[in-house]
Amino acid sequence: MGVNILYFAGLREALGQSSEQLALPAQVGSVGQLHAHLVSRGGAWAALATTKNLRIAVNQRMAAMDAPVKDGDEVAFFPPVTGG
């Protein structure tokens, strides 16, 4: 199964994709561990590490880095955005 990951705004542009399905590695059980796993891909994925004020939601609820992540969850990454 795995998790459905959504990327918004500048992250979507930096990564060239708005979403992906990912089988959870055994060592990933929290938002922070998922974040670190994605950053470890290198290249464009470094945008996840360098984005200030990154917000994360699990199943459409804002979550902290220590929030649990399990198979079937939807995890969304939101960089700061402005509008007018």
Protein backbone atom coordinates (compact mmCIF):
# COMPACT_ATOMS: atom_id res chain seq x y z
CA MET A 1 0.00 0.00 0.00
CA GLY A 2 2.01 3.02 1.20
CA VAL A 3 1.25 6.72 1.56
CA ASN A 4 -0.04 9.30 -0.87
CA ILE A 5 2.19 12.39 -0.76
CA LEU A 6 1.02 15.78 -2.04
CA TYR A 7 3.30 18.73 -2.86
CA PHE A 8 1.98 22.28 -3.14
CA ALA A 9 3.10 25.64 -4.57
CA GLY A 10 6.88 26.11 -4.86
CA LEU A 11 7.60 22.52 -3.81
CA ARG A 12 5.43 21.21 -6.64
CA GLU A 13 7.39 23.38 -9.05
CA ALA A 14 10.80 22.43 -7.63
CA LEU A 15 10.03 18.70 -7.68
CA GLY A 16 8.17 18.69 -10.99
CA GLN A 17 5.26 16.73 -9.55
CA SER A 18 2.21 17.40 -7.44
CA SER A 19 1.91 13.97 -5.86
CA GLU A 20 3.34 10.48 -5.58
CA GLN A 21 2.60 7.11 -4.01
CA LEU A 22 5.37 5.83 -1.78
CA ALA A 23 5.75 2.47 -0.08
CA LEU A 24 6.77 3.31 3.47
CA PRO A 25 10.26 2.08 4.31
CA ALA A 26 10.39 0.10 7.57
CA GLN A 27 12.29 2.87 9.38
CA VAL A 28 9.66 5.54 8.57
CA GLY A 29 6.98 5.88 11.22
CA SER A 30 6.64 9.63 11.70
CA VAL A 31 6.29 12.79 9.64
CA GLY A 32 9.88 13.75 10.52
CA GLN A 33 11.23 10.39 9.40
CA LEU A 34 9.28 10.63 6.13
CA HIS A 35 10.61 14.14 5.59
CA ALA A 36 14.20 12.96 6.21
CA HIS A 37 13.68 10.01 3.85
CA LEU A 38 12.48 12.30 1.05
CA VAL A 39 15.34 14.77 1.60
CA SER A 40 17.84 11.89 1.43
CA ARG A 41 16.91 11.43 -2.24
CA GLY A 42 19.13 14.45 -2.95
CA GLY A 43 18.91 16.78 -5.93
CA ALA A 44 15.62 18.69 -6.14
CA TRP A 45 14.47 16.95 -2.95
CA ALA A 46 16.77 19.26 -0.98
CA ALA A 47 13.99 21.85 -1.43
CA LEU A 48 12.14 20.02 1.36
CA ALA A 49 15.07 20.65 3.70
CA THR A 50 15.63 24.28 2.76
CA THR A 51 12.01 25.48 2.76
CA LYS A 52 11.47 27.68 5.80
CA ASN A 53 8.16 27.44 7.68
CA LEU A 54 7.23 24.20 5.94
CA ARG A 55 3.78 23.01 7.01
CA ILE A 56 2.71 19.38 6.88
CA ALA A 57 -0.72 17.79 7.07
CA VAL A 58 -1.59 14.14 7.63
CA ASN A 59 -5.04 13.15 6.43
CA GLN A 60 -5.93 16.83 6.02
CA ARG A 61 -5.00 17.78 9.59
CA MET A 62 -1.96 19.91 10.36
CA ALA A 63 0.74 17.76 11.95
CA ALA A 64 4.03 18.13 13.79
CA MET A 65 7.21 16.28 12.84
CA ASP A 66 6.59 13.68 15.55
CA ALA A 67 3.10 12.80 14.24
CA PRO A 68 2.74 9.15 13.23
CA VAL A 69 2.50 8.10 9.58
CA LYS A 70 1.11 4.74 8.51
CA ASP A 71 0.08 2.92 5.36
CA GLY A 72 -2.91 4.52 3.70
CA ASP A 73 -2.24 8.03 5.02
CA GLU A 74 -2.20 11.16 2.89
CA VAL A 75 0.71 13.47 3.71
CA ALA A 76 0.78 16.99 2.27
CA PHE A 77 3.74 19.38 2.27
CA PHE A 78 2.93 23.13 2.12
CA PRO A 79 5.58 25.81 1.72
CA PRO A 80 4.63 29.36 2.73
CA VAL A 81 2.49 31.01 0.06
CA THR A 82 1.20 34.51 -0.50
CA GLY A 83 -1.64 35.76 -2.55
CA GLY A 84 -3.42 38.92 -3.36
